[in-house]
PDB file of N, CA and C in Angstrom:
ATOM      1  N   MET A   1       0.960  30.757 -27.931  1.00  0.00           N
ATOM      2  CA  MET A   1      -0.007  29.676 -27.798  1.00  0.00           C
ATOM      3  C   MET A   1      -0.179  29.004 -29.145  1.00  0.00           C
ATOM      4  N   LYS A   2      -0.156  27.678 -29.130  1.00  0.00           N
ATOM      5  CA  LYS A   2      -0.301  26.940 -30.380  1.00  0.00           C
ATOM      6  C   LYS A   2      -1.767  26.851 -30.766  1.00  0.00           C
ATOM      7  N   SER A   3      -1.981  26.937 -32.062  1.00  0.00           N
ATOM      8  CA  SER A   3      -3.348  26.773 -32.551  1.00  0.00           C
ATOM      9  C   SER A   3      -3.586  25.308 -32.866  1.00  0.00           C
ATOM     10  N   PRO A   4      -4.858  24.894 -32.963  1.00  0.00           N
ATOM     11  CA  PRO A   4      -5.154  23.495 -33.275  1.00  0.00           C
ATOM     12  C   PRO A   4      -4.498  23.023 -34.566  1.00  0.00           C
ATOM     13  N   SER A   5      -4.253  23.934 -35.510  1.00  0.00           N
ATOM     14  CA  SER A   5      -3.650  23.529 -36.782  1.00  0.00           C
ATOM     15  C   SER A   5      -2.162  23.226 -36.628  1.00  0.00           C
ATOM     16  N   ASP A   6      -1.525  23.638 -35.502  1.00  0.00           N
ATOM     17  CA  ASP A   6      -0.104  23.352 -35.259  1.00  0.00           C
ATOM     18  C   ASP A   6       0.128  21.949 -34.727  1.00  0.00           C
ATOM     19  N   ARG A   7      -0.911  21.272 -34.334  1.00  0.00           N
ATOM     20  CA  ARG A   7      -0.781  19.931 -33.778  1.00  0.00           C
ATOM     21  C   ARG A   7      -0.506  18.926 -34.895  1.00  0.00           C
ATOM     22  N   PRO A   8       0.322  17.909 -34.611  1.00  0.00           N
ATOM     23  CA  PRO A   8       0.548  16.883 -35.640  1.00  0.00           C
ATOM     24  C   PRO A   8      -0.720  16.067 -35.853  1.00  0.00           C
ATOM     25  N   GLU A   9      -0.872  15.579 -37.050  1.00  0.00           N
ATOM     26  CA  GLU A   9      -2.032  14.760 -37.388  1.00  0.00           C
ATOM     27  C   GLU A   9      -1.896  13.384 -36.746  1.00  0.00           C
ATOM     28  N   PRO A  10      -2.968  12.863 -36.143  1.00  0.00           N
ATOM     29  CA  PRO A  10      -2.898  11.517 -35.595  1.00  0.00           C
ATOM     30  C   PRO A  10      -2.800  10.505 -36.734  1.00  0.00           C
ATOM     31  N   HIS A  11      -2.107   9.398 -36.473  1.00  0.00           N
ATOM     32  CA  HIS A  11      -2.015   8.348 -37.484  1.00  0.00           C
ATOM     33  C   HIS A  11      -2.005   6.989 -36.798  1.00  0.00           C
ATOM     34  N   GLU A  12      -2.313   5.972 -37.574  1.00  0.00           N
ATOM     35  CA  GLU A  12      -2.402   4.610 -37.061  1.00  0.00           C
ATOM     36  C   GLU A  12      -1.013   4.076 -36.731  1.00  0.00           C
ATOM     37  N   HIS A  13      -0.946   3.281 -35.666  1.00  0.00           N
ATOM     38  CA  HIS A  13       0.287   2.599 -35.302  1.00  0.00           C
ATOM     39  C   HIS A  13       0.026   1.107 -35.358  1.00  0.00           C
ATOM     40  N   GLU A  14       1.013   0.386 -35.804  1.00  0.00           N
ATOM     41  CA  GLU A  14       0.912  -1.063 -35.794  1.00  0.00           C
ATOM     42  C   GLU A  14       1.978  -1.604 -34.861  1.00  0.00           C
ATOM     43  N   PHE A  15       1.564  -2.500 -34.010  1.00  0.00           N
ATOM     44  CA  PHE A  15       2.481  -3.118 -33.076  1.00  0.00           C
ATOM     45  C   PHE A  15       2.610  -4.584 -33.430  1.00  0.00           C
ATOM     46  N   SER A  16       3.830  -5.072 -33.417  1.00  0.00           N
ATOM     47  CA  SER A  16       4.019  -6.495 -33.708  1.00  0.00           C
ATOM     48  C   SER A  16       3.616  -7.304 -32.482  1.00  0.00           C
ATOM     49  N   GLU A  17       3.270  -8.537 -32.717  1.00  0.00           N
ATOM     50  CA  GLU A  17       2.831  -9.408 -31.639  1.00  0.00           C
ATOM     51  C   GLU A  17       4.021  -9.760 -30.754  1.00  0.00           C
ATOM     52  N   VAL A  18       3.784  -9.753 -29.452  1.00  0.00           N
ATOM     53  CA  VAL A  18       4.826 -10.160 -28.517  1.00  0.00           C
ATOM     54  C   VAL A  18       4.818 -11.680 -28.484  1.00  0.00           C
ATOM     55  N   LYS A  19       5.960 -12.271 -28.831  1.00  0.00           N
ATOM     56  CA  LYS A  19       6.020 -13.728 -28.915  1.00  0.00           C
ATOM     57  C   LYS A  19       6.662 -14.298 -27.665  1.00  0.00           C
ATOM     58  N   ARG A  20       6.241 -15.492 -27.321  1.00  0.00           N
ATOM     59  CA  ARG A  20       6.810 -16.199 -26.178  1.00  0.00           C
ATOM     60  C   ARG A  20       8.215 -16.637 -26.537  1.00  0.00           C
ATOM     61  N   MET A  21       9.052 -16.683 -25.527  1.00  0.00           N
ATOM     62  CA  MET A  21      10.416 -17.147 -25.745  1.00  0.00           C
ATOM     63  C   MET A  21      10.407 -18.665 -25.926  1.00  0.00           C
ATOM     64  N   ASP A  22      11.297 -19.172 -26.766  1.00  0.00           N
ATOM     65  CA  ASP A  22      11.393 -20.613 -26.984  1.00  0.00           C
ATOM     66  C   ASP A  22      11.836 -21.339 -25.723  1.00  0.00           C
ATOM     67  N   ARG A  23      12.661 -20.690 -24.928  1.00  0.00           N
ATOM     68  CA  ARG A  23      13.126 -21.297 -23.679  1.00  0.00           C
ATOM     69  C   ARG A  23      13.106 -20.232 -22.595  1.00  0.00           C
ATOM     70  N   PRO A  24      12.980 -20.637 -21.368  1.00  0.00           N
ATOM     71  CA  PRO A  24      12.913 -19.653 -20.284  1.00  0.00           C
ATOM     72  C   PRO A  24      14.232 -18.900 -20.157  1.00  0.00           C
ATOM     73  N   PRO A  25      14.178 -17.698 -19.593  1.00  0.00           N
ATOM     74  CA  PRO A  25      15.413 -16.932 -19.425  1.00  0.00           C
ATOM     75  C   PRO A  25      16.374 -17.689 -18.506  1.00  0.00           C
ATOM     76  N   THR A  26      17.673 -17.501 -18.756  1.00  0.00           N
ATOM     77  CA  THR A  26      18.676 -18.202 -17.947  1.00  0.00           C
ATOM     78  C   THR A  26      18.949 -17.467 -16.646  1.00  0.00           C
ATOM     79  N   GLN A  27      18.622 -16.191 -16.585  1.00  0.00           N
ATOM     80  CA  GLN A  27      18.839 -15.433 -15.357  1.00  0.00           C
ATOM     81  C   GLN A  27      17.540 -15.371 -14.566  1.00  0.00           C
ATOM     82  N   HIS A  28      17.667 -15.426 -13.254  1.00  0.00           N
ATOM     83  CA  HIS A  28      16.509 -15.363 -12.378  1.00  0.00           C
ATOM     84  C   HIS A  28      16.661 -14.170 -11.450  1.00  0.00           C
ATOM     85  N   LEU A  29      15.541 -13.675 -10.966  1.00  0.00           N
ATOM     86  CA  LEU A  29      15.557 -12.568 -10.022  1.00  0.00           C
ATOM     87  C   LEU A  29      16.212 -13.022  -8.728  1.00  0.00           C
ATOM     88  N   ASP A  30      17.202 -12.282  -8.291  1.00  0.00           N
ATOM     89  CA  ASP A  30      17.903 -12.587  -7.049  1.00  0.00           C
ATOM     90  C   ASP A  30      17.177 -11.860  -5.920  1.00  0.00           C
ATOM     91  N   PHE A  31      16.391 -12.613  -5.135  1.00  0.00           N
ATOM     92  CA  PHE A  31      15.606 -12.001  -4.072  1.00  0.00           C
ATOM     93  C   PHE A  31      16.485 -11.356  -3.010  1.00  0.00           C
ATOM     94  N   ASP A  32      17.698 -11.850  -2.829  1.00  0.00           N
ATOM     95  CA  ASP A  32      18.609 -11.221  -1.871  1.00  0.00           C
ATOM     96  C   ASP A  32      18.944  -9.792  -2.288  1.00  0.00           C
ATOM     97  N   ALA A  33      18.934  -9.530  -3.595  1.00  0.00           N
ATOM     98  CA  ALA A  33      19.264  -8.200  -4.090  1.00  0.00           C
ATOM     99  C   ALA A  33      18.194  -7.170  -3.763  1.00  0.00           C
ATOM    100  N   ILE A  34      16.961  -7.607  -3.500  1.00  0.00           N
ATOM    101  CA  ILE A  34      15.895  -6.644  -3.228  1.00  0.00           C
ATOM    102  C   ILE A  34      15.498  -6.590  -1.758  1.00  0.00           C
ATOM    103  N   LYS A  35      16.148  -7.379  -0.919  1.00  0.00           N
ATOM    104  CA  LYS A  35      15.767  -7.412   0.491  1.00  0.00           C
ATOM    105  C   LYS A  35      16.017  -6.103   1.219  1.00  0.00           C
ATOM    106  N   ASP A  36      16.903  -5.253   0.723  1.00  0.00           N
ATOM    107  CA  ASP A  36      17.202  -3.990   1.382  1.00  0.00           C
ATOM    108  C   ASP A  36      16.405  -2.813   0.812  1.00  0.00           C
ATOM    109  N   VAL A  37      15.436  -3.090  -0.075  1.00  0.00           N
ATOM    110  CA  VAL A  37      14.585  -2.034  -0.618  1.00  0.00           C
ATOM    111  C   VAL A  37      13.586  -1.621   0.456  1.00  0.00           C
ATOM    112  N   LYS A  38      13.460  -0.317   0.688  1.00  0.00           N
ATOM    113  CA  LYS A  38      12.529   0.175   1.703  1.00  0.00           C
ATOM    114  C   LYS A  38      11.147   0.366   1.094  1.00  0.00           C
ATOM    115  N   LEU A  39      10.127  -0.070   1.820  1.00  0.00           N
ATOM    116  CA  LEU A  39       8.740   0.082   1.395  1.00  0.00           C
ATOM    117  C   LEU A  39       8.004   0.938   2.421  1.00  0.00           C
ATOM    118  N   PRO A  40       7.158   1.865   1.967  1.00  0.00           N
ATOM    119  CA  PRO A  40       6.400   2.680   2.925  1.00  0.00           C
ATOM    120  C   PRO A  40       5.306   1.854   3.591  1.00  0.00           C
ATOM    121  N   MET A  41       5.236   1.936   4.916  1.00  0.00           N
ATOM    122  CA  MET A  41       4.195   1.241   5.675  1.00  0.00           C
ATOM    123  C   MET A  41       3.406   2.270   6.465  1.00  0.00           C
ATOM    124  N   THR A  42       2.094   2.103   6.484  1.00  0.00           N
ATOM    125  CA  THR A  42       1.231   2.992   7.252  1.00  0.00           C
ATOM    126  C   THR A  42       0.204   2.160   7.999  1.00  0.00           C
ATOM    127  N   ALA A  43      -0.332   2.749   9.055  1.00  0.00           N
ATOM    128  CA  ALA A  43      -1.394   2.103   9.827  1.00  0.00           C
ATOM    129  C   ALA A  43      -2.555   3.077   9.929  1.00  0.00           C
ATOM    130  N   ASP A  44      -3.753   2.562   9.744  1.00  0.00           N
ATOM    131  CA  ASP A  44      -4.963   3.377   9.823  1.00  0.00           C
ATOM    132  C   ASP A  44      -5.418   3.420  11.276  1.00  0.00           C
ATOM    133  N   LEU A  45      -5.132   4.526  11.947  1.00  0.00           N
ATOM    134  CA  LEU A  45      -5.492   4.660  13.356  1.00  0.00           C
ATOM    135  C   LEU A  45      -6.913   5.156  13.553  1.00  0.00           C
ATOM    136  N   GLY A  46      -7.550   5.571  12.476  1.00  0.00           N
ATOM    137  CA  GLY A  46      -8.926   6.029  12.575  1.00  0.00           C
ATOM    138  C   GLY A  46      -9.178   7.222  11.682  1.00  0.00           C
ATOM    139  N   ARG A  47     -10.430   7.574  11.560  1.00  0.00           N
ATOM    140  CA  ARG A  47     -10.843   8.679  10.692  1.00  0.00           C
ATOM    141  C   ARG A  47     -11.978   9.437  11.355  1.00  0.00           C
ATOM    142  N   THR A  48     -12.177  10.629  10.871  1.00  0.00           N
ATOM    143  CA  THR A  48     -13.320  11.423  11.314  1.00  0.00           C
ATOM    144  C   THR A  48     -13.621  12.455  10.243  1.00  0.00           C
ATOM    145  N   THR A  49     -14.774  13.070  10.333  1.00  0.00           N
ATOM    146  CA  THR A  49     -15.095  14.215   9.486  1.00  0.00           C
ATOM    147  C   THR A  49     -15.440  15.368  10.407  1.00  0.00           C
ATOM    148  N   MET A  50     -15.091  16.558   9.964  1.00  0.00           N
ATOM    149  CA  MET A  50     -15.354  17.752  10.770  1.00  0.00           C
ATOM    150  C   MET A  50     -15.870  18.864   9.881  1.00  0.00           C
ATOM    151  N   LEU A  51     -16.670  19.715  10.451  1.00  0.00           N
ATOM    152  CA  LEU A  51     -17.117  20.906   9.747  1.00  0.00           C
ATOM    153  C   LEU A  51     -15.952  21.871   9.623  1.00  0.00           C
ATOM    154  N   VAL A  52     -15.955  22.655   8.563  1.00  0.00           N
ATOM    155  CA  VAL A  52     -14.886  23.632   8.350  1.00  0.00           C
ATOM    156  C   VAL A  52     -14.754  24.551   9.561  1.00  0.00           C
ATOM    157  N   ARG A  53     -15.877  24.991  10.122  1.00  0.00           N
ATOM    158  CA  ARG A  53     -15.807  25.910  11.260  1.00  0.00           C
ATOM    159  C   ARG A  53     -15.104  25.259  12.451  1.00  0.00           C
ATOM    160  N   ASP A  54     -15.314  23.910  12.621  1.00  0.00           N
ATOM    161  CA  ASP A  54     -14.647  23.210  13.724  1.00  0.00           C
ATOM    162  C   ASP A  54     -13.148  23.059  13.457  1.00  0.00           C
ATOM    163  N   VAL A  55     -12.784  22.823  12.206  1.00  0.00           N
ATOM    164  CA  VAL A  55     -11.363  22.729  11.852  1.00  0.00           C
ATOM    165  C   VAL A  55     -10.680  24.069  12.105  1.00  0.00           C
ATOM    166  N   LEU A  56     -11.349  25.154  11.761  1.00  0.00           N
ATOM    167  CA  LEU A  56     -10.763  26.486  11.945  1.00  0.00           C
ATOM    168  C   LEU A  56     -10.592  26.839  13.421  1.00  0.00           C
ATOM    169  N   GLU A  57     -11.332  26.181  14.297  1.00  0.00           N
ATOM    170  CA  GLU A  57     -11.226  26.440  15.736  1.00  0.00           C
ATOM    171  C   GLU A  57     -10.162  25.588  16.419  1.00  0.00           C
ATOM    172  N   LEU A  58      -9.534  24.644  15.681  1.00  0.00           N
ATOM    173  CA  LEU A  58      -8.493  23.804  16.267  1.00  0.00           C
ATOM    174  C   LEU A  58      -7.287  24.652  16.651  1.00  0.00           C
ATOM    175  N   HIS A  59      -6.657  24.283  17.746  1.00  0.00           N
ATOM    176  CA  HIS A  59      -5.457  24.979  18.200  1.00  0.00           C
ATOM    177  C   HIS A  59      -4.503  23.956  18.815  1.00  0.00           C
ATOM    178  N   CYS A  60      -3.331  24.384  19.121  1.00  0.00           N
ATOM    179  CA  CYS A  60      -2.346  23.493  19.728  1.00  0.00           C
ATOM    180  C   CYS A  60      -2.945  22.896  21.007  1.00  0.00           C
ATOM    181  N   GLY A  61      -2.956  21.588  21.107  1.00  0.00           N
ATOM    182  CA  GLY A  61      -3.528  20.912  22.265  1.00  0.00           C
ATOM    183  C   GLY A  61      -4.936  20.392  22.036  1.00  0.00           C
ATOM    184  N   SER A  62      -5.553  20.767  20.910  1.00  0.00           N
ATOM    185  CA  SER A  62      -6.884  20.241  20.595  1.00  0.00           C
ATOM    186  C   SER A  62      -6.810  18.728  20.432  1.00  0.00           C
ATOM    187  N   VAL A  63      -7.888  18.048  20.773  1.00  0.00           N
ATOM    188  CA  VAL A  63      -7.973  16.590  20.632  1.00  0.00           C
ATOM    189  C   VAL A  63      -9.090  16.281  19.652  1.00  0.00           C
ATOM    190  N   ILE A  64      -8.793  15.410  18.699  1.00  0.00           N
ATOM    191  CA  ILE A  64      -9.777  15.011  17.690  1.00  0.00           C
ATOM    192  C   ILE A  64     -10.157  13.560  17.955  1.00  0.00           C
ATOM    193  N   GLN A  65     -11.434  13.303  18.113  1.00  0.00           N
ATOM    194  CA  GLN A  65     -11.915  11.944  18.333  1.00  0.00           C
ATOM    195  C   GLN A  65     -11.979  11.207  16.997  1.00  0.00           C
ATOM    196  N   LEU A  66     -11.404  10.000  16.968  1.00  0.00           N
ATOM    197  CA  LEU A  66     -11.427   9.170  15.774  1.00  0.00           C
ATOM    198  C   LEU A  66     -12.498   8.104  15.906  1.00  0.00           C
ATOM    199  N   ASN A  67     -12.763   7.393  14.826  1.00  0.00           N
ATOM    200  CA  ASN A  67     -13.853   6.415  14.815  1.00  0.00           C
ATOM    201  C   ASN A  67     -13.441   5.036  15.330  1.00  0.00           C
ATOM    202  N   LYS A  68     -12.226   4.890  15.842  1.00  0.00           N
ATOM    203  CA  LYS A  68     -11.795   3.599  16.387  1.00  0.00           C
ATOM    204  C   LYS A  68     -11.605   3.712  17.883  1.00  0.00           C
ATOM    205  N   THR A  69     -11.792   2.578  18.548  1.00  0.00           N
ATOM    206  CA  THR A  69     -11.605   2.561  19.989  1.00  0.00           C
ATOM    207  C   THR A  69     -10.267   1.908  20.323  1.00  0.00           C
ATOM    208  N   ALA A  70      -9.771   2.167  21.522  1.00  0.00           N
ATOM    209  CA  ALA A  70      -8.510   1.574  21.960  1.00  0.00           C
ATOM    210  C   ALA A  70      -8.616   0.056  21.923  1.00  0.00           C
ATOM    211  N   GLY A  71      -7.596  -0.604  21.412  1.00  0.00           N
ATOM    212  CA  GLY A  71      -7.585  -2.059  21.333  1.00  0.00           C
ATOM    213  C   GLY A  71      -8.256  -2.631  20.102  1.00  0.00           C
ATOM    214  N   GLU A  72      -8.924  -1.781  19.324  1.00  0.00           N
ATOM    215  CA  GLU A  72      -9.585  -2.256  18.105  1.00  0.00           C
ATOM    216  C   GLU A  72      -8.527  -2.541  17.035  1.00  0.00           C
ATOM    217  N   PRO A  73      -8.678  -3.643  16.273  1.00  0.00           N
ATOM    218  CA  PRO A  73      -7.702  -3.930  15.218  1.00  0.00           C
ATOM    219  C   PRO A  73      -7.623  -2.790  14.210  1.00  0.00           C
ATOM    220  N   THR A  74      -6.433  -2.588  13.669  1.00  0.00           N
ATOM    221  CA  THR A  74      -6.223  -1.546  12.679  1.00  0.00           C
ATOM    222  C   THR A  74      -5.601  -2.155  11.429  1.00  0.00           C
ATOM    223  N   ASP A  75      -5.847  -1.537  10.283  1.00  0.00           N
ATOM    224  CA  ASP A  75      -5.278  -2.010   9.027  1.00  0.00           C
ATOM    225  C   ASP A  75      -3.854  -1.484   8.885  1.00  0.00           C
ATOM    226  N   VAL A  76      -2.962  -2.351   8.430  1.00  0.00           N
ATOM    227  CA  VAL A  76      -1.574  -1.978   8.156  1.00  0.00           C
ATOM    228  C   VAL A  76      -1.375  -2.114   6.653  1.00  0.00           C
ATOM    229  N   PHE A  77      -0.807  -1.088   6.033  1.00  0.00           N
ATOM    230  CA  PHE A  77      -0.628  -1.056   4.587  1.00  0.00           C
ATOM    231  C   PHE A  77       0.848  -1.041   4.235  1.00  0.00           C
ATOM    232  N   VAL A  78       1.202  -1.731   3.161  1.00  0.00           N
ATOM    233  CA  VAL A  78       2.508  -1.589   2.523  1.00  0.00           C
ATOM    234  C   VAL A  78       2.198  -0.903   1.205  1.00  0.00           C
ATOM    235  N   GLY A  79       2.694   0.315   1.049  1.00  0.00           N
ATOM    236  CA  GLY A  79       2.271   1.131  -0.089  1.00  0.00           C
ATOM    237  C   GLY A  79       0.793   1.408   0.083  1.00  0.00           C
ATOM    238  N   ASP A  80       0.000   1.125  -0.933  1.00  0.00           N
ATOM    239  CA  ASP A  80      -1.449   1.320  -0.805  1.00  0.00           C
ATOM    240  C   ASP A  80      -2.200  -0.006  -0.725  1.00  0.00           C
ATOM    241  N   GLN A  81      -1.468  -1.099  -0.488  1.00  0.00           N
ATOM    242  CA  GLN A  81      -2.082  -2.419  -0.394  1.00  0.00           C
ATOM    243  C   GLN A  81      -2.167  -2.863   1.060  1.00  0.00           C
ATOM    244  N   ILE A  82      -3.309  -3.428   1.447  1.00  0.00           N
ATOM    245  CA  ILE A  82      -3.432  -3.902   2.832  1.00  0.00           C
ATOM    246  C   ILE A  82      -2.494  -5.089   3.034  1.00  0.00           C
ATOM    247  N   PHE A  83      -1.747  -5.041   4.123  1.00  0.00           N
ATOM    248  CA  PHE A  83      -0.778  -6.080   4.452  1.00  0.00           C
ATOM    249  C   PHE A  83      -1.295  -6.964   5.581  1.00  0.00           C
ATOM    250  N   SER A  84      -1.848  -6.322   6.625  1.00  0.00           N
ATOM    251  CA  SER A  84      -2.299  -7.115   7.772  1.00  0.00           C
ATOM    252  C   SER A  84      -3.271  -6.324   8.621  1.00  0.00           C
ATOM    253  N   LYS A  85      -3.826  -7.027   9.584  1.00  0.00           N
ATOM    254  CA  LYS A  85      -4.551  -6.409  10.686  1.00  0.00           C
ATOM    255  C   LYS A  85      -3.567  -6.380  11.843  1.00  0.00           C
ATOM    256  N   GLY A  86      -3.587  -5.307  12.600  1.00  0.00           N
ATOM    257  CA  GLY A  86      -2.672  -5.200  13.717  1.00  0.00           C
ATOM    258  C   GLY A  86      -3.333  -4.545  14.904  1.00  0.00           C
ATOM    259  N   GLU A  87      -2.604  -4.522  15.995  1.00  0.00           N
ATOM    260  CA  GLU A  87      -3.085  -3.911  17.230  1.00  0.00           C
ATOM    261  C   GLU A  87      -2.101  -2.825  17.636  1.00  0.00           C
ATOM    262  N   VAL A  88      -2.619  -1.642  17.936  1.00  0.00           N
ATOM    263  CA  VAL A  88      -1.763  -0.546  18.374  1.00  0.00           C
ATOM    264  C   VAL A  88      -1.333  -0.806  19.809  1.00  0.00           C
ATOM    265  N   VAL A  89      -0.031  -0.735  20.043  1.00  0.00           N
ATOM    266  CA  VAL A  89       0.509  -0.887  21.389  1.00  0.00           C
ATOM    267  C   VAL A  89       1.440   0.286  21.674  1.00  0.00           C
ATOM    268  N   VAL A  90       1.558   0.633  22.938  1.00  0.00           N
ATOM    269  CA  VAL A  90       2.448   1.713  23.346  1.00  0.00           C
ATOM    270  C   VAL A  90       3.634   1.098  24.073  1.00  0.00           C
ATOM    271  N   ILE A  91       4.834   1.397  23.589  1.00  0.00           N
ATOM    272  CA  ILE A  91       6.072   0.947  24.233  1.00  0.00           C
ATOM    273  C   ILE A  91       6.884   2.207  24.502  1.00  0.00           C
ATOM    274  N   GLY A  92       7.098   2.482  25.777  1.00  0.00           N
ATOM    275  CA  GLY A  92       7.755   3.742  26.131  1.00  0.00           C
ATOM    276  C   GLY A  92       6.855   4.890  25.749  1.00  0.00           C
ATOM    277  N   ASP A  93       7.379   5.806  24.960  1.00  0.00           N
ATOM    278  CA  ASP A  93       6.605   6.974  24.530  1.00  0.00           C
ATOM    279  C   ASP A  93       6.155   6.873  23.074  1.00  0.00           C
ATOM    280  N   THR A  94       6.333   5.712  22.445  1.00  0.00           N
ATOM    281  CA  THR A  94       6.017   5.628  21.021  1.00  0.00           C
ATOM    282  C   THR A  94       4.947   4.580  20.748  1.00  0.00           C
ATOM    283  N   LEU A  95       4.232   4.797  19.656  1.00  0.00           N
ATOM    284  CA  LEU A  95       3.208   3.848  19.202  1.00  0.00           C
ATOM    285  C   LEU A  95       3.858   2.783  18.332  1.00  0.00           C
ATOM    286  N   HIS A  96       3.387   1.575  18.460  1.00  0.00           N
ATOM    287  CA  HIS A  96       3.854   0.453  17.657  1.00  0.00           C
ATOM    288  C   HIS A  96       2.636  -0.335  17.207  1.00  0.00           C
ATOM    289  N   ILE A  97       2.832  -1.197  16.229  1.00  0.00           N
ATOM    290  CA  ILE A  97       1.763  -2.073  15.755  1.00  0.00           C
ATOM    291  C   ILE A  97       2.205  -3.513  15.967  1.00  0.00           C
ATOM    292  N   ARG A  98       1.393  -4.279  16.673  1.00  0.00           N
ATOM    293  CA  ARG A  98       1.623  -5.715  16.803  1.00  0.00           C
ATOM    294  C   ARG A  98       0.875  -6.373  15.654  1.00  0.00           C
ATOM    295  N   ILE A  99       1.629  -7.035  14.764  1.00  0.00           N
ATOM    296  CA  ILE A  99       1.041  -7.645  13.573  1.00  0.00           C
ATOM    297  C   ILE A  99       0.181  -8.836  13.967  1.00  0.00           C
ATOM    298  N   GLY A 100      -1.020  -8.874  13.397  1.00  0.00           N
ATOM    299  CA  GLY A 100      -1.935  -9.991  13.623  1.00  0.00           C
ATOM    300  C   GLY A 100      -2.054 -10.808  12.356  1.00  0.00           C
ATOM    301  N   ASP A 101      -3.241 -10.880  11.797  1.00  0.00           N
ATOM    302  CA  ASP A 101      -3.470 -11.646  10.570  1.00  0.00           C
ATOM    303  C   ASP A 101      -2.810 -10.946   9.388  1.00  0.00           C
ATOM    304  N   ILE A 102      -2.042 -11.705   8.613  1.00  0.00           N
ATOM    305  CA  ILE A 102      -1.394 -11.163   7.424  1.00  0.00           C
ATOM    306  C   ILE A 102      -2.237 -11.538   6.216  1.00  0.00           C
ATOM    307  N   ALA A 103      -2.551 -10.548   5.381  1.00  0.00           N
ATOM    308  CA  ALA A 103      -3.408 -10.759   4.209  1.00  0.00           C
ATOM    309  C   ALA A 103      -2.772 -11.765   3.264  1.00  0.00           C
ATOM    310  N   GLY A 104      -3.552 -12.763   2.858  1.00  0.00           N
ATOM    311  CA  GLY A 104      -3.107 -13.746   1.886  1.00  0.00           C
ATOM    312  C   GLY A 104      -2.175 -14.805   2.433  1.00  0.00           C
ATOM    313  N   LEU A 105      -1.883 -14.799   3.733  1.00  0.00           N
ATOM    314  CA  LEU A 105      -0.949 -15.776   4.293  1.00  0.00           C
ATOM    315  C   LEU A 105      -1.475 -17.200   4.147  1.00  0.00           C
ATOM    316  N   GLU A 106      -2.788 -17.392   4.343  1.00  0.00           N
ATOM    317  CA  GLU A 106      -3.371 -18.725   4.206  1.00  0.00           C
ATOM    318  C   GLU A 106      -3.222 -19.215   2.772  1.00  0.00           C
ATOM    319  N   GLU A 107      -3.445 -18.313   1.802  1.00  0.00           N
ATOM    320  CA  GLU A 107      -3.332 -18.684   0.393  1.00  0.00           C
ATOM    321  C   GLU A 107      -1.906 -19.073   0.064  1.00  0.00           C
ATOM    322  N   ARG A 108      -0.925 -18.313   0.575  1.00  0.00           N
ATOM    323  CA  ARG A 108       0.476 -18.636   0.317  1.00  0.00           C
ATOM    324  C   ARG A 108       0.830 -19.977   0.925  1.00  0.00           C
ATOM    325  N   SER A 109       0.319 -20.272   2.127  1.00  0.00           N
ATOM    326  CA  SER A 109       0.596 -21.551   2.774  1.00  0.00           C
ATOM    327  C   SER A 109       0.018 -22.694   1.956  1.00  0.00           C
ATOM    328  N   GLU A 110      -1.210 -22.513   1.455  1.00  0.00           N
ATOM    329  CA  GLU A 110      -1.844 -23.546   0.647  1.00  0.00           C
ATOM    330  C   GLU A 110      -1.064 -23.761  -0.647  1.00  0.00           C
ATOM    331  N   ASP A 111      -0.602 -22.653  -1.276  1.00  0.00           N
ATOM    332  CA  ASP A 111       0.170 -22.764  -2.506  1.00  0.00           C
ATOM    333  C   ASP A 111       1.462 -23.544  -2.277  1.00  0.00           C
ATOM    334  N   SER A 112       2.124 -23.331  -1.137  1.00  0.00           N
ATOM    335  CA  SER A 112       3.370 -24.034  -0.875  1.00  0.00           C
ATOM    336  C   SER A 112       3.117 -25.518  -0.644  1.00  0.00           C
ATOM    337  N   HIS A 113       1.959 -25.869  -0.066  1.00  0.00           N
ATOM    338  CA  HIS A 113       1.624 -27.282   0.119  1.00  0.00           C
ATOM    339  C   HIS A 113       1.329 -27.943  -1.233  1.00  0.00           C
ATOM    340  N   LEU A 114       0.701 -27.197  -2.149  1.00  0.00           N
ATOM    341  CA  LEU A 114       0.382 -27.747  -3.452  1.00  0.00           C
ATOM    342  C   LEU A 114       1.640 -27.958  -4.284  1.00  0.00           C
ATOM    343  N   ALA A 115       2.655 -27.113  -4.070  1.00  0.00           N
ATOM    344  CA  ALA A 115       3.876 -27.199  -4.866  1.00  0.00           C
ATOM    345  C   ALA A 115       4.716 -28.418  -4.476  1.00  0.00           C
ATOM    346  N   LYS A 116       4.467 -29.000  -3.315  1.00  0.00           N
ATOM    347  CA  LYS A 116       5.273 -30.143  -2.848  1.00  0.00           C
ATOM    348  C   LYS A 116       4.903 -31.412  -3.579  1.00  0.00           C
TER     349      LYS A 116
END
């Protein structure tokens, strides 16, 4: 185990100022190159809280009631950022999300109109 006296002494660091480039970079991000990147998506189907004793009594086949009702809009996330509101639908034996309002879509539309 190292003693406190074995630690290096802290010292001041000086950082030079980051200067703006005289001209913009000649290379641009190729959006086609990132179109195949996979992003994690999740949907919030509901939440609940339970007492420890109730959790310990859960068994195969137990049903847990969530705080959302059928047909209620659910949040859809890309990573940890909200992407849209959606509706849970069942197709065959699997759950799906029908995308509704997309977060920031109105702002993006307005920005594209301003750029014209």
